[in-house]
N, C-alpha and C. Protein backbone atom coordinates (compact mmCIF):
# COMPACT_ATOMS: atom_id res chain seq x y z
N MET A 1 113.14 253.32 181.98
CA MET A 1 112.64 253.88 180.50
C MET A 1 111.14 253.91 180.99
N PRO A 2 110.07 254.83 180.61
CA PRO A 2 108.94 255.02 180.65
C PRO A 2 107.90 253.80 179.83
N LYS A 3 106.45 253.94 180.56
CA LYS A 3 106.24 252.83 180.03
C LYS A 3 105.78 252.87 178.59
N GLU A 4 105.58 251.52 177.47
CA GLU A 4 105.73 251.69 176.38
C GLU A 4 104.77 252.45 175.86
N LYS A 5 103.30 252.73 176.43
CA LYS A 5 102.23 253.70 175.71
C LYS A 5 102.66 254.89 175.70
N ASP A 6 103.72 255.39 176.06
CA ASP A 6 104.35 256.99 175.74
C ASP A 6 104.93 257.16 175.09
N SER A 7 105.00 258.06 174.09
CA SER A 7 105.43 258.26 172.56
C SER A 7 107.17 258.55 172.75
N THR A 8 106.87 259.34 173.72
CA THR A 8 108.48 260.18 173.64
C THR A 8 109.38 259.47 174.88
N TYR A 9 110.56 259.77 175.22
CA TYR A 9 111.45 259.55 176.24
C TYR A 9 112.02 260.56 177.01
N GLN A 10 111.50 262.35 177.33
CA GLN A 10 112.00 263.00 177.31
C GLN A 10 112.77 263.17 178.34
N LYS A 11 112.92 262.78 179.23
CA LYS A 11 113.34 262.31 180.23
C LYS A 11 114.80 261.31 180.46
N GLU A 12 114.71 260.75 179.42
CA GLU A 12 116.26 260.12 179.07
C GLU A 12 116.68 260.34 178.30
N PRO A 13 118.24 260.43 178.08
CA PRO A 13 119.24 261.01 177.65
C PRO A 13 119.71 260.04 175.94
N ILE A 14 119.41 261.11 175.22
CA ILE A 14 119.28 260.21 173.65
C ILE A 14 120.21 259.14 173.34
N ASN A 15 121.95 259.02 173.44
CA ASN A 15 121.89 257.67 173.74
C ASN A 15 120.81 256.73 174.20
N LYS A 16 120.47 256.61 175.36
CA LYS A 16 119.56 255.27 175.89
C LYS A 16 118.66 255.78 175.03
N VAL A 17 117.95 256.46 174.64
CA VAL A 17 116.56 256.52 173.79
C VAL A 17 117.07 255.62 172.81
N TYR A 18 118.42 255.78 172.10
CA TYR A 18 119.10 255.42 170.77
C TYR A 18 118.74 253.69 170.61
N ASP A 19 119.72 253.43 172.17
CA ASP A 19 119.95 251.92 173.08
C ASP A 19 119.08 251.50 172.21
N TYR A 20 117.92 251.94 173.11
CA TYR A 20 116.50 251.34 173.28
C TYR A 20 115.41 251.08 171.31
N CYS A 21 115.40 252.07 170.70
CA CYS A 21 115.52 252.18 169.38
C CYS A 21 116.05 251.29 168.31
N ARG A 22 117.27 250.52 169.17
CA ARG A 22 118.26 250.23 167.92
C ARG A 22 117.77 248.52 168.74
N LYS A 23 117.26 248.40 169.80
CA LYS A 23 117.05 247.09 169.75
C LYS A 23 115.27 246.74 169.27
N LYS A 24 114.55 247.90 168.74
CA LYS A 24 113.70 247.20 168.70
C LYS A 24 114.37 246.68 166.74
N TYR A 25 115.26 247.51 166.58
CA TYR A 25 115.37 247.12 164.87
C TYR A 25 115.72 245.87 164.99
N THR A 26 116.70 245.62 165.92
CA THR A 26 118.11 244.64 165.78
C THR A 26 118.58 244.60 167.27
N SER A 27 119.91 242.63 167.73
CA SER A 27 119.72 242.67 169.30
C SER A 27 121.80 243.33 168.11
N SER A 28 122.04 243.19 167.44
CA SER A 28 123.73 243.57 166.69
C SER A 28 123.74 245.02 166.90
N GLN A 29 125.12 245.17 167.56
CA GLN A 29 125.70 246.54 167.66
C GLN A 29 126.37 246.62 166.34
N GLU A 30 126.94 245.94 165.81
CA GLU A 30 127.63 246.08 164.23
C GLU A 30 126.46 246.71 163.20
N VAL A 31 127.19 246.75 162.55
CA VAL A 31 126.92 247.34 160.71
C VAL A 31 125.77 245.96 160.55
N VAL A 32 124.47 246.44 160.09
CA VAL A 32 123.49 245.37 159.77
C VAL A 32 123.12 245.82 158.01
N PRO A 33 123.61 244.88 156.71
CA PRO A 33 124.19 245.50 155.54
C PRO A 33 122.58 245.06 155.45
N CYS A 34 121.95 245.76 154.54
CA CYS A 34 120.64 245.75 153.36
C CYS A 34 119.86 244.83 154.53
N PHE A 35 119.52 245.75 155.49
CA PHE A 35 118.72 245.35 156.41
C PHE A 35 117.25 245.01 155.95
N GLU A 36 116.07 244.10 156.36
CA GLU A 36 115.18 243.99 155.89
C GLU A 36 115.04 243.54 154.44
N GLU A 37 116.36 243.22 153.83
CA GLU A 37 116.07 243.12 152.33
C GLU A 37 115.72 244.16 151.70
N THR A 38 116.59 245.44 152.07
CA THR A 38 116.63 246.74 151.71
C THR A 38 117.49 247.18 150.89
N GLU A 39 117.70 248.30 150.40
CA GLU A 39 119.50 249.03 150.17
C GLU A 39 119.60 249.57 151.20
N SER A 40 119.19 249.97 152.67
CA SER A 40 120.04 250.62 153.55
C SER A 40 120.13 249.61 154.52
N ASN A 41 121.50 250.10 155.33
CA ASN A 41 122.01 249.60 156.18
C ASN A 41 122.11 249.72 157.23
N LEU A 42 122.05 249.43 158.73
CA LEU A 42 122.17 249.84 159.94
C LEU A 42 123.69 249.98 160.35
N SER A 43 124.14 251.56 160.54
CA SER A 43 125.56 251.74 161.18
C SER A 43 125.34 251.08 162.36
N GLN A 44 126.84 250.72 162.61
CA GLN A 44 127.52 250.44 164.05
C GLN A 44 126.70 251.41 165.12
N ALA A 45 125.88 250.87 166.05
CA ALA A 45 125.77 251.33 167.02
C ALA A 45 126.79 252.55 167.99
N GLY A 46 127.99 252.01 167.65
CA GLY A 46 128.90 253.15 168.54
C GLY A 46 129.31 254.64 167.48
N LEU A 47 129.39 254.24 166.48
CA LEU A 47 128.91 255.73 165.42
C LEU A 47 128.06 256.24 165.25
N ASN A 48 126.90 255.80 165.59
CA ASN A 48 126.18 256.93 165.71
C ASN A 48 125.28 257.29 166.56
N LYS A 49 125.61 256.94 168.04
CA LYS A 49 125.65 257.33 169.27
C LYS A 49 126.63 258.45 169.17
N THR A 50 127.75 258.45 168.62
CA THR A 50 128.26 259.29 168.91
C THR A 50 128.37 260.46 168.04
N MET A 51 127.98 260.62 167.19
CA MET A 51 127.07 261.51 165.83
C MET A 51 126.08 262.09 166.36
N ILE A 52 125.07 260.90 167.03
CA ILE A 52 123.82 261.90 167.75
C ILE A 52 124.54 262.90 169.27
N LYS A 53 125.29 262.19 169.49
CA LYS A 53 125.16 263.08 170.86
C LYS A 53 126.21 264.16 170.45
N MET A 54 126.90 264.54 169.46
CA MET A 54 127.50 265.87 168.72
C MET A 54 126.80 266.60 168.33
N LEU A 55 125.00 266.00 168.28
CA LEU A 55 124.27 267.45 167.42
C LEU A 55 123.81 267.93 168.68
N GLU A 56 123.42 267.95 169.79
CA GLU A 56 123.24 268.48 170.79
C GLU A 56 121.63 268.12 170.72
N LEU A 57 120.78 267.41 170.65
CA LEU A 57 119.64 267.82 170.61
C LEU A 57 118.75 268.21 171.76
N LYS A 58 117.91 269.00 171.34
CA LYS A 58 117.18 269.27 172.41
C LYS A 58 115.58 268.70 172.52
N GLN A 59 114.61 269.00 173.22
CA GLN A 59 113.31 268.09 173.05
C GLN A 59 112.65 269.05 172.14
N LYS A 60 112.13 268.82 171.69
CA LYS A 60 111.17 269.77 170.42
C LYS A 60 111.69 270.69 169.47
N MET A 61 112.97 270.23 169.54
CA MET A 61 113.15 270.64 168.48
C MET A 61 112.95 270.14 166.81
N THR A 62 113.24 271.31 165.98
CA THR A 62 112.79 270.67 164.41
C THR A 62 114.03 269.89 163.92
N VAL A 63 113.70 268.69 163.16
CA VAL A 63 115.01 267.84 162.87
C VAL A 63 114.61 267.72 161.45
N CYS A 64 115.75 267.48 160.63
CA CYS A 64 115.07 266.60 159.02
C CYS A 64 116.63 265.70 159.27
N ASP A 65 115.94 264.95 158.50
CA ASP A 65 117.24 263.14 158.83
C ASP A 65 116.74 263.01 156.73
N PHE A 66 117.80 263.51 156.09
CA PHE A 66 117.75 263.26 154.42
C PHE A 66 119.09 261.74 154.93
N GLY A 67 118.66 261.01 153.78
CA GLY A 67 119.01 259.43 153.37
C GLY A 67 118.70 258.91 155.01
N ALA A 68 117.20 258.97 155.21
CA ALA A 68 117.07 258.68 156.42
C ALA A 68 116.93 257.06 156.57
N GLY A 69 117.07 256.17 155.30
CA GLY A 69 117.20 254.40 155.30
C GLY A 69 116.24 253.98 155.95
N CYS A 70 116.51 252.97 156.52
CA CYS A 70 114.98 252.25 157.47
C CYS A 70 114.52 253.03 158.66
N GLY A 71 115.07 254.52 159.28
CA GLY A 71 114.48 255.13 160.03
C GLY A 71 114.81 254.75 161.37
N LEU A 72 115.98 254.20 161.75
CA LEU A 72 116.40 254.36 162.86
C LEU A 72 117.13 255.96 163.66
N THR A 73 117.91 256.52 162.73
CA THR A 73 118.09 257.97 163.27
C THR A 73 117.00 258.59 163.87
N ALA A 74 116.14 258.60 162.82
CA ALA A 74 114.57 259.74 162.73
C ALA A 74 113.54 259.12 163.34
N ASN A 75 113.61 257.90 163.94
CA ASN A 75 112.57 257.39 164.88
C ASN A 75 113.21 257.53 166.20
N THR A 76 114.35 257.27 166.66
CA THR A 76 115.33 257.72 167.18
C THR A 76 115.04 259.31 168.17
N PHE A 77 115.53 260.23 167.21
CA PHE A 77 114.75 261.79 167.56
C PHE A 77 113.36 262.01 167.76
N ALA A 78 112.49 261.55 167.02
CA ALA A 78 111.23 261.18 167.68
C ALA A 78 110.74 260.40 168.64
N LYS A 79 111.73 259.95 168.97
CA LYS A 79 111.20 258.75 170.43
C LYS A 79 111.42 260.49 171.86
N PHE A 80 112.86 260.72 171.00
CA PHE A 80 113.71 261.32 172.03
C PHE A 80 112.69 262.92 172.36
N GLY A 81 111.51 263.03 171.54
CA GLY A 81 111.34 264.61 171.37
C GLY A 81 111.18 265.20 170.65
N CYS A 82 111.62 265.12 169.71
CA CYS A 82 112.03 266.17 168.24
C CYS A 82 110.58 265.90 167.11
N LYS A 83 110.59 267.05 166.59
CA LYS A 83 110.32 266.95 165.32
C LYS A 83 110.65 266.89 164.85
N VAL A 84 110.25 265.60 163.41
CA VAL A 84 111.15 265.17 162.93
C VAL A 84 110.30 265.22 161.30
N THR A 85 111.39 265.20 160.29
CA THR A 85 110.99 264.86 158.99
C THR A 85 111.84 264.36 158.48
N ALA A 86 111.79 263.21 157.44
CA ALA A 86 113.01 262.43 156.97
C ALA A 86 112.15 261.96 155.61
N TYR A 87 113.85 262.04 154.63
CA TYR A 87 114.02 261.57 153.22
C TYR A 87 114.51 260.59 152.81
N ASP A 88 114.08 259.36 152.07
CA ASP A 88 114.98 258.45 151.47
C ASP A 88 114.54 258.33 150.62
N PRO A 89 115.59 258.30 149.08
CA PRO A 89 115.07 257.97 147.79
C PRO A 89 114.04 256.43 147.63
N LYS A 90 114.65 255.81 148.74
CA LYS A 90 114.25 254.48 148.22
C LYS A 90 112.98 254.21 149.01
N ALA A 91 111.79 253.64 148.20
CA ALA A 91 110.42 253.38 148.70
C ALA A 91 110.25 252.33 149.49
N LYS A 92 111.48 251.07 149.75
CA LYS A 92 111.29 250.06 150.42
C LYS A 92 111.76 250.23 152.17
N SER A 93 112.97 251.07 151.77
CA SER A 93 113.46 251.94 153.16
C SER A 93 112.27 252.29 154.15
N LEU A 94 111.71 253.50 152.98
CA LEU A 94 110.47 254.06 154.11
C LEU A 94 109.65 253.45 154.68
N MET A 95 109.14 252.53 153.63
CA MET A 95 108.00 251.81 154.52
C MET A 95 108.42 250.78 155.52
N ILE A 96 109.88 250.29 155.78
CA ILE A 96 110.83 249.40 156.80
C ILE A 96 110.70 250.93 157.87
N ALA A 97 110.51 252.13 157.35
CA ALA A 97 110.66 253.47 158.35
C ALA A 97 109.41 253.60 159.21
N LYS A 98 108.80 253.66 158.49
CA LYS A 98 106.93 253.63 159.27
C LYS A 98 107.17 252.78 159.38
N LYS A 99 106.85 251.49 159.30
CA LYS A 99 106.80 250.31 160.13
C LYS A 99 107.36 250.16 161.79
N TYR A 100 108.83 250.84 161.96
CA TYR A 100 109.51 251.02 163.08
C TYR A 100 109.10 251.67 163.69
N ALA A 101 108.02 253.09 162.88
CA ALA A 101 108.03 254.04 163.82
C ALA A 101 106.84 254.02 163.84
N LYS A 102 105.89 253.04 163.84
CA LYS A 102 104.87 252.63 164.40
C LYS A 102 104.82 251.59 165.56
N LYS A 103 106.05 250.58 165.00
CA LYS A 103 106.22 249.88 166.42
C LYS A 103 107.02 251.07 167.71
N LEU A 104 107.84 251.38 167.71
CA LEU A 104 107.66 252.69 168.70
C LEU A 104 107.12 253.72 168.94
N SER A 105 105.91 254.04 168.44
CA SER A 105 104.63 254.78 168.80
C SER A 105 104.99 256.32 168.58
N VAL A 106 105.94 256.60 167.24
CA VAL A 106 106.43 257.86 166.81
C VAL A 106 105.73 258.31 165.69
N SER A 107 106.13 260.05 165.60
CA SER A 107 105.36 260.48 164.75
C SER A 107 106.43 261.09 163.96
N VAL A 108 106.68 260.56 162.35
CA VAL A 108 107.73 260.97 161.78
C VAL A 108 107.20 261.26 160.37
N ASP A 109 107.23 262.67 159.81
CA ASP A 109 106.74 263.08 158.89
C ASP A 109 108.07 262.71 157.71
N TYR A 110 107.72 261.04 156.99
CA TYR A 110 108.22 260.38 156.34
C TYR A 110 107.95 260.74 154.39
């Protein structure tokens, strides 16, 4: 992986970018219910990676994440090099998503 100051990992496969981002959220590969005392769960890592791979994303694509929860998927897309807009009805989940976007040095329009 590139140095932390780099905002995207455009030379890495999306699944490796996801693994990097997930480690910033949690060390667990399993479902994490009510992540950081929100109403949002972090899904099982294997399921997320399968879904992300099926999307066949390319860098610089524009992506919208509806039901973004705590932002793991949206922040992964941004770290990969996509332009991302994300929505969630829960204010606390969006607060957590923004916190992790900052930790990951990515820009997502929440």
